[in-house]
Amino acid sequence: MLTAYILVNTESGAERSILDRLKRLPQVKESNAVLGSYDVFAKVECYDMLELNRVVTLIRSIEGVKATNTLTVFQPSMLLRKVNAVILLVSDMSRSKEFYGSVLGLKLKFESPDWVEYLKDGAVLALHPSKARVSNEGAMLSFITSDIKSVRERFRSRNVKFYADVQEDERGKYMVVEDPDGYRIAIVEPKVKEEAPATGYYGFAPV
């Protein structure tokens, strides 16, 4: 979790309406009018810099906001920039390559007899043969889609095993399928509201 303090310069008399808008944002944990070089102060909590950038952009778009200054709280965990790779131990490389390459349509980055890498949005999903019995407990993947209906039809046509069919709530739609080793994969079509960007993991989580 990333914490930041956003200092806002406003048009004269716009403080109250801006505070009302800020209180609607789930990332804003505290907001007040202040005296000094700035007019409004907001404490926000975001999952990452991408979400923080979205929140700052949204605040700057509020009528009456002239300028903002963002102060990010340093945390040791921020030294870890992003997830670089997820490695799955699989029981049958050929079967898993068919699933992740042909069924899911991931882009092949590298391949050798005992190591296959797929690239998606800067992160690597790697497959490696396991010398022991594969355990799928405790690991789960998640992918975002804008058309879960078409993905579901594709999976059905390829006889993909469903763990949970499409479900929907106020945040969007999701379903869960299994790969050849039983790893669960959530496919999510989120509802993104202008004032509440979808962030972090959303979907099915095994208990």
N, C-alpha and C. Protein backbone atom coordinates (compact mmCIF):
# COMPACT_ATOMS: atom_id res chain seq x y z
N MET A 1 0.83 -1.19 0.00
CA MET A 1 0.00 0.00 0.00
C MET A 1 0.87 1.25 0.00
N LEU A 2 0.52 2.23 -0.81
CA LEU A 2 1.29 3.45 -0.95
C LEU A 2 0.48 4.62 -0.37
N THR A 3 1.12 5.42 0.48
CA THR A 3 0.46 6.58 1.09
C THR A 3 1.06 7.86 0.53
N ALA A 4 0.19 8.83 0.24
CA ALA A 4 0.66 10.11 -0.29
C ALA A 4 -0.20 11.23 0.27
N TYR A 5 0.39 12.42 0.32
CA TYR A 5 -0.33 13.62 0.74
C TYR A 5 -0.40 14.56 -0.46
N ILE A 6 -1.61 14.95 -0.81
CA ILE A 6 -1.82 15.81 -1.97
C ILE A 6 -2.24 17.19 -1.49
N LEU A 7 -1.45 18.20 -1.84
CA LEU A 7 -1.72 19.58 -1.48
C LEU A 7 -2.32 20.28 -2.69
N VAL A 8 -3.43 20.98 -2.47
CA VAL A 8 -4.21 21.52 -3.59
C VAL A 8 -4.36 23.03 -3.48
N ASN A 9 -4.06 23.72 -4.58
CA ASN A 9 -4.40 25.14 -4.72
C ASN A 9 -5.75 25.23 -5.42
N THR A 10 -6.66 26.03 -4.88
CA THR A 10 -8.01 26.11 -5.44
C THR A 10 -8.36 27.54 -5.84
N GLU A 11 -9.41 27.64 -6.64
CA GLU A 11 -10.00 28.95 -6.90
C GLU A 11 -10.63 29.46 -5.61
N SER A 12 -10.71 30.76 -5.46
CA SER A 12 -11.29 31.34 -4.24
C SER A 12 -12.73 30.90 -4.07
N GLY A 13 -13.04 30.35 -2.89
CA GLY A 13 -14.40 29.93 -2.58
C GLY A 13 -14.76 28.53 -3.04
N ALA A 14 -13.81 27.82 -3.68
CA ALA A 14 -14.12 26.49 -4.21
C ALA A 14 -13.77 25.37 -3.24
N GLU A 15 -13.25 25.72 -2.07
CA GLU A 15 -12.76 24.69 -1.15
C GLU A 15 -13.84 23.68 -0.76
N ARG A 16 -15.03 24.15 -0.42
CA ARG A 16 -16.06 23.25 0.08
C ARG A 16 -16.50 22.25 -0.99
N SER A 17 -16.73 22.71 -2.21
CA SER A 17 -17.17 21.80 -3.27
C SER A 17 -16.08 20.79 -3.61
N ILE A 18 -14.82 21.22 -3.55
CA ILE A 18 -13.72 20.30 -3.83
C ILE A 18 -13.62 19.25 -2.73
N LEU A 19 -13.78 19.66 -1.47
CA LEU A 19 -13.76 18.70 -0.37
C LEU A 19 -14.89 17.68 -0.51
N ASP A 20 -16.05 18.14 -0.96
CA ASP A 20 -17.17 17.22 -1.17
C ASP A 20 -16.81 16.16 -2.22
N ARG A 21 -16.15 16.58 -3.29
CA ARG A 21 -15.74 15.63 -4.33
C ARG A 21 -14.67 14.67 -3.81
N LEU A 22 -13.73 15.19 -3.04
CA LEU A 22 -12.66 14.35 -2.52
C LEU A 22 -13.20 13.25 -1.61
N LYS A 23 -14.22 13.57 -0.83
CA LYS A 23 -14.76 12.59 0.12
C LYS A 23 -15.44 11.42 -0.59
N ARG A 24 -15.75 11.58 -1.88
CA ARG A 24 -16.38 10.49 -2.64
C ARG A 24 -15.35 9.48 -3.16
N LEU A 25 -14.09 9.87 -3.14
CA LEU A 25 -13.05 8.98 -3.67
C LEU A 25 -12.63 7.98 -2.59
N PRO A 26 -12.70 6.69 -2.87
CA PRO A 26 -12.35 5.69 -1.85
C PRO A 26 -10.89 5.75 -1.43
N GLN A 27 -10.03 6.27 -2.30
CA GLN A 27 -8.60 6.34 -1.95
C GLN A 27 -8.30 7.48 -0.97
N VAL A 28 -9.19 8.45 -0.87
CA VAL A 28 -8.97 9.59 0.03
C VAL A 28 -9.41 9.20 1.43
N LYS A 29 -8.46 9.14 2.36
CA LYS A 29 -8.74 8.72 3.73
C LYS A 29 -8.96 9.91 4.66
N GLU A 30 -8.49 11.07 4.25
CA GLU A 30 -8.65 12.28 5.08
C GLU A 30 -8.51 13.50 4.18
N SER A 31 -9.33 14.51 4.40
CA SER A 31 -9.21 15.75 3.62
C SER A 31 -9.72 16.92 4.45
N ASN A 32 -9.03 18.05 4.31
CA ASN A 32 -9.39 19.24 5.09
C ASN A 32 -8.98 20.49 4.33
N ALA A 33 -9.66 21.61 4.66
CA ALA A 33 -9.20 22.92 4.20
C ALA A 33 -8.09 23.36 5.14
N VAL A 34 -7.05 23.99 4.58
CA VAL A 34 -5.90 24.41 5.38
C VAL A 34 -5.53 25.85 5.06
N LEU A 35 -4.74 26.45 5.95
CA LEU A 35 -4.23 27.80 5.75
C LEU A 35 -2.77 27.72 5.31
N GLY A 36 -2.32 28.72 4.56
CA GLY A 36 -0.92 28.74 4.13
C GLY A 36 -0.82 28.78 2.61
N SER A 37 0.22 28.13 2.08
CA SER A 37 0.47 28.17 0.64
C SER A 37 -0.54 27.36 -0.15
N TYR A 38 -1.22 26.42 0.52
CA TYR A 38 -2.21 25.58 -0.15
C TYR A 38 -3.56 25.75 0.54
N ASP A 39 -4.61 25.33 -0.15
CA ASP A 39 -5.97 25.55 0.34
C ASP A 39 -6.64 24.27 0.85
N VAL A 40 -6.28 23.13 0.28
CA VAL A 40 -6.89 21.85 0.64
C VAL A 40 -5.80 20.80 0.77
N PHE A 41 -5.97 19.93 1.74
CA PHE A 41 -5.03 18.84 1.99
C PHE A 41 -5.80 17.52 1.91
N ALA A 42 -5.20 16.50 1.26
CA ALA A 42 -5.83 15.18 1.18
C ALA A 42 -4.78 14.10 1.41
N LYS A 43 -5.12 13.16 2.28
CA LYS A 43 -4.28 11.98 2.48
C LYS A 43 -4.90 10.84 1.69
N VAL A 44 -4.12 10.20 0.82
CA VAL A 44 -4.64 9.12 0.00
C VAL A 44 -3.83 7.85 0.20
N GLU A 45 -4.49 6.72 0.00
CA GLU A 45 -3.83 5.42 0.05
C GLU A 45 -4.15 4.68 -1.23
N CYS A 46 -3.11 4.25 -1.95
CA CYS A 46 -3.27 3.58 -3.24
C CYS A 46 -2.45 2.30 -3.25
N TYR A 47 -2.81 1.40 -4.17
CA TYR A 47 -2.09 0.15 -4.28
C TYR A 47 -0.71 0.35 -4.91
N ASP A 48 -0.60 1.29 -5.85
CA ASP A 48 0.67 1.48 -6.55
C ASP A 48 0.71 2.87 -7.16
N MET A 49 1.83 3.18 -7.84
CA MET A 49 2.00 4.50 -8.45
C MET A 49 1.01 4.73 -9.58
N LEU A 50 0.63 3.68 -10.28
CA LEU A 50 -0.34 3.82 -11.36
C LEU A 50 -1.68 4.32 -10.82
N GLU A 51 -2.12 3.73 -9.72
CA GLU A 51 -3.38 4.18 -9.13
C GLU A 51 -3.25 5.60 -8.59
N LEU A 52 -2.11 5.90 -7.96
CA LEU A 52 -1.89 7.25 -7.45
C LEU A 52 -1.94 8.27 -8.58
N ASN A 53 -1.34 7.95 -9.70
CA ASN A 53 -1.36 8.86 -10.85
C ASN A 53 -2.80 9.10 -11.32
N ARG A 54 -3.61 8.05 -11.32
CA ARG A 54 -5.01 8.20 -11.72
C ARG A 54 -5.77 9.10 -10.75
N VAL A 55 -5.51 8.93 -9.46
CA VAL A 55 -6.19 9.74 -8.45
C VAL A 55 -5.79 11.21 -8.59
N VAL A 56 -4.49 11.46 -8.75
CA VAL A 56 -4.01 12.84 -8.90
C VAL A 56 -4.62 13.48 -10.15
N THR A 57 -4.65 12.73 -11.25
CA THR A 57 -5.24 13.25 -12.48
C THR A 57 -6.71 13.58 -12.29
N LEU A 58 -7.42 12.73 -11.56
CA LEU A 58 -8.83 12.96 -11.29
C LEU A 58 -9.03 14.20 -10.43
N ILE A 59 -8.20 14.36 -9.41
CA ILE A 59 -8.30 15.53 -8.54
C ILE A 59 -8.03 16.81 -9.33
N ARG A 60 -7.05 16.76 -10.21
CA ARG A 60 -6.73 17.95 -11.02
C ARG A 60 -7.85 18.33 -11.97
N SER A 61 -8.72 17.35 -12.29
CA SER A 61 -9.82 17.62 -13.21
C SER A 61 -11.05 18.21 -12.50
N ILE A 62 -11.03 18.23 -11.16
CA ILE A 62 -12.17 18.77 -10.42
C ILE A 62 -12.26 20.28 -10.65
N GLU A 63 -13.46 20.75 -10.90
CA GLU A 63 -13.66 22.18 -11.14
C GLU A 63 -13.22 23.00 -9.92
N GLY A 64 -12.41 24.00 -10.16
CA GLY A 64 -11.92 24.85 -9.08
C GLY A 64 -10.51 24.54 -8.63
N VAL A 65 -9.97 23.39 -9.06
CA VAL A 65 -8.59 23.04 -8.71
C VAL A 65 -7.63 23.74 -9.67
N LYS A 66 -6.69 24.49 -9.12
CA LYS A 66 -5.72 25.21 -9.95
C LYS A 66 -4.42 24.42 -10.12
N ALA A 67 -3.95 23.79 -9.04
CA ALA A 67 -2.69 23.05 -9.10
C ALA A 67 -2.61 22.11 -7.91
N THR A 68 -1.76 21.09 -8.03
CA THR A 68 -1.55 20.15 -6.92
C THR A 68 -0.07 19.89 -6.73
N ASN A 69 0.27 19.47 -5.53
CA ASN A 69 1.63 19.03 -5.21
C ASN A 69 1.51 17.73 -4.43
N THR A 70 2.13 16.66 -4.92
CA THR A 70 1.98 15.35 -4.31
C THR A 70 3.25 14.95 -3.57
N LEU A 71 3.09 14.59 -2.30
CA LEU A 71 4.20 14.13 -1.47
C LEU A 71 3.98 12.66 -1.16
N THR A 72 4.87 11.81 -1.64
CA THR A 72 4.73 10.37 -1.45
C THR A 72 5.54 9.92 -0.25
N VAL A 73 4.91 9.15 0.63
CA VAL A 73 5.58 8.63 1.82
C VAL A 73 6.50 7.49 1.40
N PHE A 74 7.78 7.59 1.76
CA PHE A 74 8.72 6.54 1.40
C PHE A 74 8.52 5.33 2.30
N GLN A 75 8.47 4.15 1.67
CA GLN A 75 8.37 2.89 2.40
C GLN A 75 9.40 1.93 1.82
N PRO A 76 10.07 1.13 2.66
CA PRO A 76 11.08 0.19 2.14
C PRO A 76 10.55 -0.71 1.04
N SER A 77 9.27 -1.09 1.13
CA SER A 77 8.71 -2.00 0.12
C SER A 77 8.68 -1.36 -1.26
N MET A 78 8.76 -0.01 -1.32
CA MET A 78 8.72 0.67 -2.61
C MET A 78 9.99 0.39 -3.41
N LEU A 79 11.02 -0.16 -2.77
CA LEU A 79 12.23 -0.52 -3.50
C LEU A 79 11.96 -1.65 -4.48
N LEU A 80 10.92 -2.43 -4.22
CA LEU A 80 10.51 -3.48 -5.15
C LEU A 80 9.55 -2.85 -6.14
N ARG A 81 9.97 -2.70 -7.38
CA ARG A 81 9.22 -1.89 -8.34
C ARG A 81 8.01 -2.60 -8.90
N LYS A 82 8.14 -3.86 -9.27
CA LYS A 82 7.02 -4.57 -9.87
C LYS A 82 7.29 -6.07 -9.86
N VAL A 83 6.26 -6.84 -10.13
CA VAL A 83 6.44 -8.28 -10.27
C VAL A 83 7.13 -8.54 -11.61
N ASN A 84 8.25 -9.23 -11.57
CA ASN A 84 9.02 -9.49 -12.78
C ASN A 84 8.57 -10.76 -13.48
N ALA A 85 8.32 -11.82 -12.70
CA ALA A 85 7.95 -13.09 -13.31
C ALA A 85 7.19 -13.96 -12.33
N VAL A 86 6.32 -14.78 -12.87
CA VAL A 86 5.63 -15.83 -12.12
C VAL A 86 6.04 -17.15 -12.76
N ILE A 87 6.53 -18.09 -11.95
CA ILE A 87 7.01 -19.37 -12.46
C ILE A 87 6.08 -20.48 -11.98
N LEU A 88 5.54 -21.23 -12.92
CA LEU A 88 4.68 -22.36 -12.59
C LEU A 88 5.42 -23.67 -12.84
N LEU A 89 5.43 -24.54 -11.85
CA LEU A 89 5.98 -25.88 -12.03
C LEU A 89 4.88 -26.76 -12.60
N VAL A 90 5.15 -27.39 -13.74
CA VAL A 90 4.11 -28.14 -14.44
C VAL A 90 4.53 -29.60 -14.61
N SER A 91 3.54 -30.44 -14.79
CA SER A 91 3.80 -31.88 -14.92
C SER A 91 4.04 -32.30 -16.36
N ASP A 92 3.52 -31.53 -17.32
CA ASP A 92 3.64 -31.88 -18.74
C ASP A 92 3.85 -30.60 -19.54
N MET A 93 5.08 -30.35 -19.98
CA MET A 93 5.39 -29.10 -20.68
C MET A 93 4.58 -28.93 -21.95
N SER A 94 4.44 -29.97 -22.74
CA SER A 94 3.71 -29.86 -24.01
C SER A 94 2.26 -29.48 -23.77
N ARG A 95 1.64 -30.12 -22.80
CA ARG A 95 0.24 -29.84 -22.50
C ARG A 95 0.06 -28.41 -21.98
N SER A 96 0.98 -27.97 -21.13
CA SER A 96 0.89 -26.61 -20.57
C SER A 96 1.20 -25.56 -21.63
N LYS A 97 2.16 -25.83 -22.52
CA LYS A 97 2.46 -24.90 -23.61
C LYS A 97 1.24 -24.72 -24.51
N GLU A 98 0.54 -25.79 -24.79
CA GLU A 98 -0.67 -25.71 -25.61
C GLU A 98 -1.72 -24.84 -24.93
N PHE A 99 -1.87 -25.00 -23.62
CA PHE A 99 -2.88 -24.25 -22.88
C PHE A 99 -2.55 -22.76 -22.85
N TYR A 100 -1.35 -22.41 -22.40
CA TYR A 100 -1.01 -20.99 -22.23
C TYR A 100 -0.74 -20.29 -23.55
N GLY A 101 -0.21 -21.02 -24.52
CA GLY A 101 0.07 -20.41 -25.81
C GLY A 101 -1.13 -20.37 -26.73
N SER A 102 -1.78 -21.52 -26.92
CA SER A 102 -2.88 -21.59 -27.89
C SER A 102 -4.23 -21.21 -27.30
N VAL A 103 -4.52 -21.69 -26.09
CA VAL A 103 -5.83 -21.41 -25.49
C VAL A 103 -5.90 -19.99 -24.93
N LEU A 104 -4.92 -19.63 -24.09
CA LEU A 104 -4.93 -18.27 -23.52
C LEU A 104 -4.37 -17.24 -24.49
N GLY A 105 -3.58 -17.67 -25.46
CA GLY A 105 -3.07 -16.74 -26.46
C GLY A 105 -1.95 -15.84 -25.98
N LEU A 106 -1.15 -16.30 -25.00
CA LEU A 106 -0.04 -15.49 -24.51
C LEU A 106 1.11 -15.50 -25.52
N LYS A 107 1.84 -14.40 -25.58
CA LYS A 107 2.93 -14.24 -26.54
C LYS A 107 4.18 -14.98 -26.05
N LEU A 108 4.70 -15.87 -26.90
CA LEU A 108 5.90 -16.63 -26.56
C LEU A 108 7.13 -15.72 -26.60
N LYS A 109 7.91 -15.73 -25.52
CA LYS A 109 9.11 -14.90 -25.43
C LYS A 109 10.37 -15.74 -25.60
N PHE A 110 10.39 -16.92 -24.99
CA PHE A 110 11.57 -17.78 -25.05
C PHE A 110 11.14 -19.22 -24.82
N GLU A 111 11.86 -20.14 -25.47
CA GLU A 111 11.51 -21.55 -25.31
C GLU A 111 12.76 -22.42 -25.36
N SER A 112 12.84 -23.36 -24.42
CA SER A 112 13.86 -24.41 -24.42
C SER A 112 13.18 -25.67 -23.90
N PRO A 113 13.85 -26.82 -23.93
CA PRO A 113 13.19 -28.06 -23.50
C PRO A 113 12.64 -28.01 -22.07
N ASP A 114 13.30 -27.29 -21.18
CA ASP A 114 12.84 -27.29 -19.79
C ASP A 114 12.49 -25.89 -19.27
N TRP A 115 12.25 -24.95 -20.19
CA TRP A 115 11.90 -23.59 -19.75
C TRP A 115 11.17 -22.86 -20.88
N VAL A 116 9.98 -22.35 -20.59
CA VAL A 116 9.21 -21.59 -21.57
C VAL A 116 8.75 -20.30 -20.91
N GLU A 117 8.91 -19.18 -21.62
CA GLU A 117 8.48 -17.89 -21.09
C GLU A 117 7.45 -17.25 -22.01
N TYR A 118 6.40 -16.71 -21.39
CA TYR A 118 5.40 -15.92 -22.10
C TYR A 118 5.46 -14.50 -21.55
N LEU A 119 5.27 -13.52 -22.43
CA LEU A 119 5.35 -12.12 -22.04
C LEU A 119 3.98 -11.48 -22.13
N LYS A 120 3.58 -10.77 -21.05
CA LYS A 120 2.30 -10.07 -21.03
C LYS A 120 2.45 -8.78 -20.26
N ASP A 121 2.38 -7.64 -20.97
CA ASP A 121 2.42 -6.31 -20.34
C ASP A 121 3.64 -6.14 -19.44
N GLY A 122 4.80 -6.61 -19.89
CA GLY A 122 6.03 -6.39 -19.16
C GLY A 122 6.35 -7.43 -18.11
N ALA A 123 5.42 -8.33 -17.81
CA ALA A 123 5.67 -9.39 -16.83
C ALA A 123 5.82 -10.73 -17.56
N VAL A 124 6.58 -11.62 -16.97
CA VAL A 124 6.85 -12.92 -17.58
C VAL A 124 6.13 -14.02 -16.81
N LEU A 125 5.47 -14.89 -17.54
CA LEU A 125 4.93 -16.13 -16.98
C LEU A 125 5.79 -17.26 -17.52
N ALA A 126 6.47 -17.98 -16.63
CA ALA A 126 7.39 -19.03 -17.05
C ALA A 126 6.86 -20.40 -16.63
N LEU A 127 7.11 -21.39 -17.49
CA LEU A 127 6.76 -22.78 -17.21
C LEU A 127 8.05 -23.59 -17.06
N HIS A 128 8.07 -24.46 -16.06
CA HIS A 128 9.26 -25.28 -15.82
C HIS A 128 8.79 -26.66 -15.36
N PRO A 129 9.34 -27.73 -15.93
CA PRO A 129 8.90 -29.07 -15.53
C PRO A 129 9.28 -29.38 -14.08
N SER A 130 8.35 -29.99 -13.37
CA SER A 130 8.59 -30.34 -11.98
C SER A 130 9.08 -31.77 -11.87
N LYS A 131 10.08 -31.99 -11.02
CA LYS A 131 10.59 -33.34 -10.80
C LYS A 131 9.76 -34.08 -9.75
N ALA A 132 8.97 -33.33 -9.01
CA ALA A 132 8.10 -33.93 -8.00
C ALA A 132 6.65 -33.74 -8.41
N ARG A 133 5.74 -34.30 -7.64
CA ARG A 133 4.32 -34.14 -7.94
C ARG A 133 3.94 -32.67 -7.84
N VAL A 134 3.25 -32.17 -8.85
CA VAL A 134 2.86 -30.76 -8.88
C VAL A 134 1.74 -30.51 -7.88
N SER A 135 1.92 -29.49 -7.05
CA SER A 135 0.87 -29.06 -6.13
C SER A 135 0.35 -27.72 -6.59
N ASN A 136 -0.96 -27.64 -6.87
CA ASN A 136 -1.53 -26.38 -7.34
C ASN A 136 -2.13 -25.56 -6.21
N GLU A 137 -1.98 -26.01 -4.97
CA GLU A 137 -2.53 -25.27 -3.84
C GLU A 137 -1.69 -24.03 -3.56
N GLY A 138 -2.36 -22.93 -3.30
CA GLY A 138 -1.66 -21.72 -2.89
C GLY A 138 -1.22 -20.82 -4.03
N ALA A 139 -1.52 -21.18 -5.27
CA ALA A 139 -1.15 -20.34 -6.41
C ALA A 139 -2.36 -20.10 -7.29
N MET A 140 -2.50 -18.86 -7.76
CA MET A 140 -3.61 -18.52 -8.63
C MET A 140 -3.21 -17.35 -9.52
N LEU A 141 -3.62 -17.40 -10.78
CA LEU A 141 -3.35 -16.32 -11.73
C LEU A 141 -4.63 -15.55 -11.99
N SER A 142 -4.47 -14.33 -12.48
CA SER A 142 -5.63 -13.51 -12.82
C SER A 142 -5.32 -12.68 -14.05
N PHE A 143 -6.27 -12.63 -14.99
CA PHE A 143 -6.13 -11.82 -16.19
C PHE A 143 -7.35 -10.93 -16.35
N ILE A 144 -7.12 -9.71 -16.86
CA ILE A 144 -8.20 -8.76 -17.13
C ILE A 144 -8.65 -8.89 -18.58
N THR A 145 -9.95 -8.80 -18.81
CA THR A 145 -10.49 -8.79 -20.17
C THR A 145 -11.57 -7.72 -20.28
N SER A 146 -11.84 -7.28 -21.49
CA SER A 146 -12.94 -6.34 -21.72
C SER A 146 -14.15 -7.05 -22.33
N ASP A 147 -14.03 -8.36 -22.54
CA ASP A 147 -15.12 -9.12 -23.16
C ASP A 147 -15.13 -10.54 -22.61
N ILE A 148 -15.65 -10.69 -21.41
CA ILE A 148 -15.61 -12.00 -20.75
C ILE A 148 -16.51 -13.01 -21.46
N LYS A 149 -17.55 -12.54 -22.12
CA LYS A 149 -18.45 -13.44 -22.84
C LYS A 149 -17.71 -14.17 -23.96
N SER A 150 -16.91 -13.42 -24.74
CA SER A 150 -16.16 -14.04 -25.83
C SER A 150 -15.09 -14.99 -25.30
N VAL A 151 -14.45 -14.61 -24.19
CA VAL A 151 -13.44 -15.48 -23.59
C VAL A 151 -14.08 -16.78 -23.13
N ARG A 152 -15.25 -16.67 -22.51
CA ARG A 152 -15.96 -17.86 -22.05
C ARG A 152 -16.30 -18.78 -23.21
N GLU A 153 -16.78 -18.22 -24.32
CA GLU A 153 -17.12 -19.03 -25.49
C GLU A 153 -15.89 -19.73 -26.04
N ARG A 154 -14.76 -19.01 -26.05
CA ARG A 154 -13.51 -19.61 -26.54
C ARG A 154 -13.09 -20.77 -25.64
N PHE A 155 -13.18 -20.57 -24.33
CA PHE A 155 -12.80 -21.63 -23.40
C PHE A 155 -13.71 -22.84 -23.56
N ARG A 156 -15.01 -22.61 -23.72
CA ARG A 156 -15.95 -23.72 -23.89
C ARG A 156 -15.62 -24.52 -25.16
N SER A 157 -15.26 -23.81 -26.22
CA SER A 157 -14.96 -24.49 -27.48
C SER A 157 -13.67 -25.29 -27.40
N ARG A 158 -12.78 -24.93 -26.45
CA ARG A 158 -11.51 -25.64 -26.28
C ARG A 158 -11.56 -26.63 -25.12
N ASN A 159 -12.75 -26.85 -24.58
CA ASN A 159 -12.96 -27.81 -23.48
C ASN A 159 -12.12 -27.50 -22.25
N VAL A 160 -11.98 -26.22 -21.96
CA VAL A 160 -11.28 -25.80 -20.74
C VAL A 160 -12.15 -26.13 -19.53
N LYS A 161 -11.52 -26.61 -18.47
CA LYS A 161 -12.26 -26.96 -17.26
C LYS A 161 -12.60 -25.71 -16.47
N PHE A 162 -13.89 -25.55 -16.13
CA PHE A 162 -14.34 -24.40 -15.36
C PHE A 162 -14.41 -24.76 -13.88
N TYR A 163 -13.81 -23.92 -13.06
CA TYR A 163 -13.94 -24.06 -11.60
C TYR A 163 -15.16 -23.29 -11.12
N ALA A 164 -15.39 -22.12 -11.72
CA ALA A 164 -16.57 -21.30 -11.41
C ALA A 164 -16.96 -20.55 -12.66
N ASP A 165 -18.22 -20.67 -13.06
CA ASP A 165 -18.70 -19.98 -14.26
C ASP A 165 -18.87 -18.49 -13.97
N VAL A 166 -19.24 -17.74 -14.98
CA VAL A 166 -19.31 -16.28 -14.86
C VAL A 166 -20.25 -15.86 -13.73
N GLN A 167 -19.73 -14.99 -12.88
CA GLN A 167 -20.50 -14.39 -11.81
C GLN A 167 -20.38 -12.88 -11.93
N GLU A 168 -21.32 -12.16 -11.32
CA GLU A 168 -21.32 -10.70 -11.43
C GLU A 168 -21.74 -10.09 -10.11
N ASP A 169 -21.07 -9.00 -9.75
CA ASP A 169 -21.51 -8.20 -8.61
C ASP A 169 -21.30 -6.73 -8.98
N GLU A 170 -21.33 -5.86 -7.98
CA GLU A 170 -21.26 -4.43 -8.28
C GLU A 170 -19.92 -4.00 -8.86
N ARG A 171 -18.90 -4.85 -8.74
CA ARG A 171 -17.57 -4.49 -9.25
C ARG A 171 -17.30 -5.01 -10.65
N GLY A 172 -18.11 -5.95 -11.13
CA GLY A 172 -17.89 -6.47 -12.47
C GLY A 172 -18.21 -7.94 -12.58
N LYS A 173 -17.63 -8.60 -13.60
CA LYS A 173 -17.86 -10.01 -13.86
C LYS A 173 -16.55 -10.78 -13.75
N TYR A 174 -16.63 -12.03 -13.33
CA TYR A 174 -15.44 -12.86 -13.27
C TYR A 174 -15.81 -14.34 -13.35
N MET A 175 -14.85 -15.13 -13.78
CA MET A 175 -15.00 -16.58 -13.81
C MET A 175 -13.64 -17.18 -13.50
N VAL A 176 -13.63 -18.47 -13.17
CA VAL A 176 -12.38 -19.15 -12.82
C VAL A 176 -12.29 -20.45 -13.59
N VAL A 177 -11.15 -20.65 -14.26
CA VAL A 177 -10.90 -21.90 -14.99
C VAL A 177 -9.65 -22.55 -14.41
N GLU A 178 -9.36 -23.76 -14.89
CA GLU A 178 -8.18 -24.47 -14.42
C GLU A 178 -7.29 -24.83 -15.60
N ASP A 179 -5.97 -24.76 -15.38
CA ASP A 179 -5.03 -25.17 -16.41
C ASP A 179 -4.83 -26.69 -16.31
N PRO A 180 -3.99 -27.30 -17.16
CA PRO A 180 -3.85 -28.76 -17.13
C PRO A 180 -3.38 -29.34 -15.80
N ASP A 181 -2.68 -28.54 -14.97
CA ASP A 181 -2.23 -29.02 -13.67
C ASP A 181 -3.17 -28.61 -12.54
N GLY A 182 -4.28 -27.98 -12.88
CA GLY A 182 -5.24 -27.59 -11.86
C GLY A 182 -5.01 -26.22 -11.25
N TYR A 183 -4.03 -25.46 -11.78
CA TYR A 183 -3.86 -24.08 -11.30
C TYR A 183 -5.10 -23.28 -11.69
N ARG A 184 -5.62 -22.53 -10.74
CA ARG A 184 -6.83 -21.75 -11.01
C ARG A 184 -6.48 -20.40 -11.61
N ILE A 185 -7.26 -20.00 -12.61
CA ILE A 185 -7.02 -18.76 -13.33
C ILE A 185 -8.31 -17.96 -13.35
N ALA A 186 -8.28 -16.78 -12.75
CA ALA A 186 -9.45 -15.89 -12.74
C ALA A 186 -9.40 -14.99 -13.97
N ILE A 187 -10.52 -14.91 -14.66
CA ILE A 187 -10.68 -13.99 -15.79
C ILE A 187 -11.68 -12.93 -15.36
N VAL A 188 -11.27 -11.67 -15.40
CA VAL A 188 -12.04 -10.60 -14.79
C VAL A 188 -12.39 -9.51 -15.81
N GLU A 189 -13.65 -9.11 -15.83
CA GLU A 189 -14.08 -7.95 -16.61
C GLU A 189 -14.63 -6.92 -15.61
N PRO A 190 -13.77 -6.00 -15.16
CA PRO A 190 -14.18 -5.07 -14.10
C PRO A 190 -15.05 -3.93 -14.62
N LYS A 191 -15.87 -3.41 -13.72
CA LYS A 191 -16.59 -2.17 -13.99
C LYS A 191 -15.72 -1.05 -13.45
N VAL A 192 -15.31 -0.14 -14.30
CA VAL A 192 -14.44 0.95 -13.88
C VAL A 192 -15.24 2.24 -13.85
N LYS A 193 -15.41 2.79 -12.66
CA LYS A 193 -16.11 4.06 -12.53
C LYS A 193 -15.11 5.20 -12.60
N GLU A 194 -15.54 6.30 -13.15
CA GLU A 194 -14.63 7.44 -13.33
C GLU A 194 -14.01 7.89 -12.03
N GLU A 195 -14.80 7.87 -10.95
CA GLU A 195 -14.30 8.40 -9.69
C GLU A 195 -13.72 7.32 -8.79
N ALA A 196 -13.75 6.08 -9.23
CA ALA A 196 -13.21 5.00 -8.41
C ALA A 196 -12.53 3.98 -9.31
N PRO A 197 -11.31 4.28 -9.79
CA PRO A 197 -10.62 3.37 -10.69
C PRO A 197 -10.44 1.99 -10.07
N ALA A 198 -10.62 0.94 -10.88
CA ALA A 198 -10.42 -0.42 -10.39
C ALA A 198 -8.93 -0.65 -10.15
N THR A 199 -8.59 -1.14 -8.98
CA THR A 199 -7.19 -1.35 -8.66
C THR A 199 -7.03 -2.65 -7.90
N GLY A 200 -5.81 -3.18 -7.96
CA GLY A 200 -5.54 -4.39 -7.20
C GLY A 200 -6.26 -5.59 -7.77
N TYR A 201 -6.20 -6.70 -7.04
CA TYR A 201 -6.83 -7.92 -7.51
C TYR A 201 -8.33 -7.88 -7.24
N TYR A 202 -9.09 -8.31 -8.23
CA TYR A 202 -10.53 -8.44 -8.06
C TYR A 202 -10.97 -9.73 -8.71
N GLY A 203 -11.82 -10.47 -8.04
CA GLY A 203 -12.30 -11.72 -8.60
C GLY A 203 -12.43 -12.77 -7.52
N PHE A 204 -12.26 -14.01 -7.90
CA PHE A 204 -12.39 -15.12 -6.98
C PHE A 204 -11.08 -15.35 -6.24
N ALA A 205 -11.15 -15.56 -4.94
CA ALA A 205 -9.95 -15.89 -4.17
C ALA A 205 -10.26 -17.13 -3.33
N PRO A 206 -9.52 -18.22 -3.50
CA PRO A 206 -9.79 -19.43 -2.72
C PRO A 206 -9.50 -19.21 -1.25
N VAL A 207 -10.30 -19.82 -0.40
CA VAL A 207 -10.11 -19.68 1.05
C VAL A 207 -9.35 -20.89 1.57
